[in-house]
């Protein structure tokens, strides 16, 4: 599966538009992450545990988006975007979406 944030894939042409696809996951913090984040917030620096948590969430959202695209018989997803939103105190949703297409090598 080819996944890109641009509208086209160089050297390929869109044979068929399959539809909009998306994937999401909601992740919650835990008290250990909160404790470490509180310390980092005081002294400064990257909150690596949260960075890791959001990275895992993005991977899961993309995986679910790909599953949806495969059901539509697409072999690529173009114009992929991500959104993150707070669901409730301590929980956030990561949402990935794009356009599922069937592509083939461009002639010429």
C-alpha atoms as a PDB file:
ATOM      1  CA  UNK A   1       0.000   0.000   0.000  1.00  0.00           C
ATOM      2  CA  UNK A   2       1.425   3.361  -1.043  1.00  0.00           C
ATOM      3  CA  UNK A   3       0.625   6.137   1.430  1.00  0.00           C
ATOM      4  CA  UNK A   4       1.414   9.778   0.760  1.00  0.00           C
ATOM      5  CA  UNK A   5       0.473  13.229   1.963  1.00  0.00           C
ATOM      6  CA  UNK A   6       0.544  14.636  -1.572  1.00  0.00           C
ATOM      7  CA  UNK A   7      -2.327  14.448  -4.066  1.00  0.00           C
ATOM      8  CA  UNK A   8      -0.517  12.385  -6.676  1.00  0.00           C
ATOM      9  CA  UNK A   9       2.178   9.728  -6.786  1.00  0.00           C
ATOM     10  CA  UNK A  10       5.047  10.546  -9.171  1.00  0.00           C
ATOM     11  CA  UNK A  11       5.197   8.073 -12.053  1.00  0.00           C
ATOM     12  CA  UNK A  12       1.718   6.725 -11.318  1.00  0.00           C
ATOM     13  CA  UNK A  13      -1.725   7.609 -12.555  1.00  0.00           C
ATOM     14  CA  UNK A  14      -4.990   7.222 -10.682  1.00  0.00           C
ATOM     15  CA  UNK A  15      -6.998   4.494 -12.354  1.00  0.00           C
ATOM     16  CA  UNK A  16      -9.927   4.570  -9.924  1.00  0.00           C
ATOM     17  CA  UNK A  17     -11.135   6.667  -7.008  1.00  0.00           C
ATOM     18  CA  UNK A  18     -12.272   4.251  -4.269  1.00  0.00           C
ATOM     19  CA  UNK A  19     -13.436   6.686  -1.602  1.00  0.00           C
ATOM     20  CA  UNK A  20     -12.477   8.424   1.595  1.00  0.00           C
ATOM     21  CA  UNK A  21     -10.868   6.217   4.237  1.00  0.00           C
ATOM     22  CA  UNK A  22     -10.036   6.862   7.862  1.00  0.00           C
ATOM     23  CA  UNK A  23      -8.739   5.273  11.006  1.00  0.00           C
ATOM     24  CA  UNK A  24      -8.694   6.433  14.588  1.00  0.00           C
ATOM     25  CA  UNK A  25      -7.727   5.412  18.071  1.00  0.00           C
ATOM     26  CA  UNK A  26      -8.246   6.933  21.497  1.00  0.00           C
ATOM     27  CA  UNK A  27      -5.407   6.682  23.983  1.00  0.00           C
ATOM     28  CA  UNK A  28      -5.364   7.552  27.659  1.00  0.00           C
ATOM     29  CA  UNK A  29      -2.512   8.664  29.873  1.00  0.00           C
ATOM     30  CA  UNK A  30      -1.681   6.802  33.032  1.00  0.00           C
ATOM     31  CA  UNK A  31      -0.500   8.027  36.408  1.00  0.00           C
ATOM     32  CA  UNK A  32       3.132   7.045  35.745  1.00  0.00           C
ATOM     33  CA  UNK A  33       3.215   9.141  32.574  1.00  0.00           C
ATOM     34  CA  UNK A  34       1.544  12.006  34.422  1.00  0.00           C
ATOM     35  CA  UNK A  35       4.097  11.893  37.236  1.00  0.00           C
ATOM     36  CA  UNK A  36       7.049  11.948  34.809  1.00  0.00           C
ATOM     37  CA  UNK A  37       5.411  14.656  32.721  1.00  0.00           C
ATOM     38  CA  UNK A  38       4.880  16.761  35.825  1.00  0.00           C
ATOM     39  CA  UNK A  39       8.602  16.609  36.591  1.00  0.00           C
ATOM     40  CA  UNK A  40       9.576  17.467  32.998  1.00  0.00           C
ATOM     41  CA  UNK A  41       7.047  20.287  32.967  1.00  0.00           C
ATOM     42  CA  UNK A  42       8.809  21.768  35.981  1.00  0.00           C
ATOM     43  CA  UNK A  43      12.384  21.448  34.670  1.00  0.00           C
ATOM     44  CA  UNK A  44      11.673  21.513  30.929  1.00  0.00           C
ATOM     45  CA  UNK A  45      12.423  19.059  28.158  1.00  0.00           C
ATOM     46  CA  UNK A  46      10.663  16.657  25.850  1.00  0.00           C
ATOM     47  CA  UNK A  47       7.917  14.495  27.322  1.00  0.00           C
ATOM     48  CA  UNK A  48       9.245  11.314  25.684  1.00  0.00           C
ATOM     49  CA  UNK A  49       6.598   9.055  27.182  1.00  0.00           C
ATOM     50  CA  UNK A  50       3.864  11.182  25.576  1.00  0.00           C
ATOM     51  CA  UNK A  51       5.799  11.363  22.304  1.00  0.00           C
ATOM     52  CA  UNK A  52       5.934   7.564  22.287  1.00  0.00           C
ATOM     53  CA  UNK A  53       2.243   7.273  23.192  1.00  0.00           C
ATOM     54  CA  UNK A  54       1.194   9.548  20.311  1.00  0.00           C
ATOM     55  CA  UNK A  55       3.547   7.790  17.894  1.00  0.00           C
ATOM     56  CA  UNK A  56       1.907   4.454  18.717  1.00  0.00           C
ATOM     57  CA  UNK A  57      -1.526   6.043  18.301  1.00  0.00           C
ATOM     58  CA  UNK A  58      -0.614   7.407  14.841  1.00  0.00           C
ATOM     59  CA  UNK A  59       0.642   3.960  13.781  1.00  0.00           C
ATOM     60  CA  UNK A  60      -2.610   2.331  14.921  1.00  0.00           C
ATOM     61  CA  UNK A  61      -4.757   4.959  13.162  1.00  0.00           C
ATOM     62  CA  UNK A  62      -2.804   4.451   9.914  1.00  0.00           C
ATOM     63  CA  UNK A  63      -3.119   0.663  10.223  1.00  0.00           C
ATOM     64  CA  UNK A  64      -6.902   0.986  10.550  1.00  0.00           C
ATOM     65  CA  UNK A  65      -7.044   3.388   7.592  1.00  0.00           C
ATOM     66  CA  UNK A  66      -5.072   0.895   5.459  1.00  0.00           C
ATOM     67  CA  UNK A  67      -7.444  -1.933   6.437  1.00  0.00           C
ATOM     68  CA  UNK A  68     -10.374   0.167   5.261  1.00  0.00           C
ATOM     69  CA  UNK A  69      -8.614   0.985   1.967  1.00  0.00           C
ATOM     70  CA  UNK A  70      -7.863  -2.701   1.312  1.00  0.00           C
ATOM     71  CA  UNK A  71     -11.564  -3.516   1.724  1.00  0.00           C
ATOM     72  CA  UNK A  72     -12.214  -1.020  -1.086  1.00  0.00           C
ATOM     73  CA  UNK A  73      -9.537  -2.751  -3.219  1.00  0.00           C
ATOM     74  CA  UNK A  74      -7.314   0.315  -3.256  1.00  0.00           C
ATOM     75  CA  UNK A  75      -3.554   0.031  -3.599  1.00  0.00           C
ATOM     76  CA  UNK A  76      -2.741   3.568  -2.461  1.00  0.00           C
ATOM     77  CA  UNK A  77      -3.976   6.326  -0.168  1.00  0.00           C
ATOM     78  CA  UNK A  78      -3.272   9.912  -1.219  1.00  0.00           C
ATOM     79  CA  UNK A  79      -3.627  13.269   0.495  1.00  0.00           C
ATOM     80  CA  UNK A  80      -3.280  11.689   3.959  1.00  0.00           C
ATOM     81  CA  UNK A  81      -3.830  13.964   6.946  1.00  0.00           C
ATOM     82  CA  UNK A  82      -3.736  13.575  10.725  1.00  0.00           C
ATOM     83  CA  UNK A  83      -5.806  15.242  13.418  1.00  0.00           C
ATOM     84  CA  UNK A  84      -5.570  15.006  17.177  1.00  0.00           C
ATOM     85  CA  UNK A  85      -8.261  16.020  19.621  1.00  0.00           C
ATOM     86  CA  UNK A  86      -8.878  15.818  23.321  1.00  0.00           C
ATOM     87  CA  UNK A  87     -11.775  13.494  24.121  1.00  0.00           C
ATOM     88  CA  UNK A  88     -11.837  13.867  27.889  1.00  0.00           C
ATOM     89  CA  UNK A  89      -9.375  14.700  30.658  1.00  0.00           C
ATOM     90  CA  UNK A  90      -6.397  12.437  30.079  1.00  0.00           C
ATOM     91  CA  UNK A  91      -7.538  10.921  26.745  1.00  0.00           C
ATOM     92  CA  UNK A  92      -6.877  11.971  23.168  1.00  0.00           C
ATOM     93  CA  UNK A  93      -7.974  10.742  19.757  1.00  0.00           C
ATOM     94  CA  UNK A  94      -5.607  10.452  16.819  1.00  0.00           C
ATOM     95  CA  UNK A  95      -7.449  10.421  13.492  1.00  0.00           C
ATOM     96  CA  UNK A  96      -5.887   9.636  10.097  1.00  0.00           C
ATOM     97  CA  UNK A  97      -7.754  10.124   6.836  1.00  0.00           C
ATOM     98  CA  UNK A  98      -7.144  10.249   3.103  1.00  0.00           C
ATOM     99  CA  UNK A  99      -8.415   9.237  -0.300  1.00  0.00           C
ATOM    100  CA  UNK A 100      -8.177   5.575  -1.293  1.00  0.00           C
ATOM    101  CA  UNK A 101      -7.291   5.085  -4.950  1.00  0.00           C
ATOM    102  CA  UNK A 102      -6.176   2.405  -7.353  1.00  0.00           C
ATOM    103  CA  UNK A 103      -3.036   3.495  -9.140  1.00  0.00           C
ATOM    104  CA  UNK A 104      -1.024   2.088 -12.012  1.00  0.00           C
ATOM    105  CA  UNK A 105       2.286   2.960 -13.595  1.00  0.00           C
ATOM    106  CA  UNK A 106       1.964   5.977 -15.878  1.00  0.00           C
ATOM    107  CA  UNK A 107       2.647   5.391 -19.538  1.00  0.00           C
ATOM    108  CA  UNK A 108       5.388   7.281 -21.244  1.00  0.00           C
END
